[in-house]
Amino acid sequence: PIKSGSILLEGKSIDSHPLHKRLSEGLVYVPEDRARNGIFSIASVKENMTAASLYQNSRFFINQEKESALVKSYIEQFQIVVRSMDEVLA
């Protein structure tokens, strides 16, 4: 396993950036065993895809239209095959 290093985004170090800034820049953690460690199995595809970015999508309540549009763009951009974004993963 890697013990040290730097995180570069577009050639620039973001090591000193706080977590919220890294998230806003699009950095996410994807565990090696996503099925075991990377999903909420009782939640929908949509809820799993937006869990880490809810603070960006709303202030007090989740904007359902904005959340659905974001998930639709992820599905298209990353060519994710799902029957429905509302499908529960368990």
Protein backbone atom coordinates (compact mmCIF):
# COMPACT_ATOMS: atom_id res chain seq x y z
CA PRO A 1 0.00 0.00 0.00
CA ILE A 2 1.03 3.58 -0.68
CA LYS A 3 2.15 5.34 2.51
CA SER A 4 2.70 8.88 1.25
CA GLY A 5 2.45 11.10 -1.79
CA SER A 6 0.65 14.09 -3.21
CA ILE A 7 -2.74 14.62 -4.77
CA LEU A 8 -2.55 16.54 -8.03
CA LEU A 9 -5.55 18.01 -9.80
CA GLU A 10 -4.81 19.33 -13.28
CA GLY A 11 -1.11 19.34 -12.39
CA LYS A 12 -1.48 21.36 -9.17
CA SER A 13 -1.16 19.98 -5.63
CA ILE A 14 -4.36 20.04 -3.58
CA ASP A 15 -2.75 18.45 -0.50
CA SER A 16 -3.36 21.55 1.63
CA HIS A 17 -6.98 22.01 0.53
CA PRO A 18 -9.57 21.27 3.23
CA LEU A 19 -11.94 18.37 2.60
CA HIS A 20 -14.91 20.56 1.63
CA LYS A 21 -12.80 22.25 -1.05
CA ARG A 22 -11.57 18.91 -2.40
CA LEU A 23 -15.17 17.72 -2.64
CA SER A 24 -16.26 20.91 -4.42
CA GLU A 25 -13.42 20.36 -6.91
CA GLY A 26 -14.82 16.92 -7.71
CA LEU A 27 -12.50 14.66 -5.72
CA VAL A 28 -14.18 11.56 -4.32
CA TYR A 29 -13.02 8.38 -2.62
CA VAL A 30 -13.90 5.12 -4.36
CA PRO A 31 -13.12 2.07 -2.21
CA GLU A 32 -11.59 -1.00 -3.80
CA ASP A 33 -14.56 -3.19 -2.81
CA ARG A 34 -17.41 -0.81 -3.66
CA ALA A 35 -20.11 -3.45 -3.16
CA ARG A 36 -18.99 -4.01 0.42
CA ASN A 37 -17.66 -0.62 1.50
CA GLY A 38 -18.93 1.94 -0.95
CA ILE A 39 -22.71 1.87 -0.97
CA PHE A 40 -25.74 2.22 1.26
CA SER A 41 -27.42 -1.06 0.35
CA ILE A 42 -30.87 0.05 1.55
CA ALA A 43 -30.76 3.26 -0.47
CA SER A 44 -31.53 3.92 -4.12
CA VAL A 45 -29.03 4.44 -6.90
CA LYS A 46 -29.88 8.15 -6.81
CA GLU A 47 -29.38 8.41 -3.04
CA ASN A 48 -26.04 6.61 -3.24
CA MET A 49 -24.82 8.85 -6.06
CA THR A 50 -25.70 12.10 -4.30
CA ALA A 51 -24.97 11.23 -0.65
CA ALA A 52 -21.55 12.88 -0.71
CA SER A 53 -22.75 16.05 -2.41
CA LEU A 54 -26.03 16.79 -0.65
CA TYR A 55 -24.59 19.91 0.93
CA GLN A 56 -23.99 21.28 -2.58
CA ASN A 57 -27.51 20.51 -3.78
CA SER A 58 -29.59 22.13 -1.04
CA ARG A 59 -29.64 24.27 2.05
CA PHE A 60 -32.29 22.66 4.26
CA PHE A 61 -34.27 20.39 1.96
CA ILE A 62 -33.17 18.22 -0.93
CA ASN A 63 -34.15 19.72 -4.28
CA GLN A 64 -35.55 16.60 -5.97
CA GLU A 65 -35.40 18.07 -9.48
CA LYS A 66 -31.78 19.17 -9.10
CA GLU A 67 -30.82 15.82 -7.54
CA SER A 68 -32.47 13.85 -10.38
CA ALA A 69 -30.82 16.04 -13.04
CA LEU A 70 -27.42 15.54 -11.41
CA VAL A 71 -27.85 11.76 -11.26
CA LYS A 72 -29.07 11.64 -14.85
CA SER A 73 -25.94 13.51 -15.93
CA TYR A 74 -23.74 11.06 -13.96
CA ILE A 75 -25.49 8.08 -15.55
CA GLU A 76 -24.93 9.50 -19.04
CA GLN A 77 -21.39 10.77 -18.45
CA PHE A 78 -20.10 7.56 -16.88
CA GLN A 79 -22.32 5.23 -18.97
CA ILE A 80 -23.83 3.60 -15.88
CA VAL A 81 -26.32 0.84 -16.61
CA VAL A 82 -29.31 0.89 -14.23
CA ARG A 83 -32.98 0.10 -14.69
CA SER A 84 -33.95 3.18 -12.71
CA MET A 85 -32.17 5.77 -10.61
CA ASP A 86 -34.80 5.08 -7.93
CA GLU A 87 -33.95 1.36 -7.80
CA VAL A 88 -32.84 0.19 -4.32
CA LEU A 89 -29.46 -1.54 -4.42
CA ALA A 90 -30.09 -4.29 -1.83
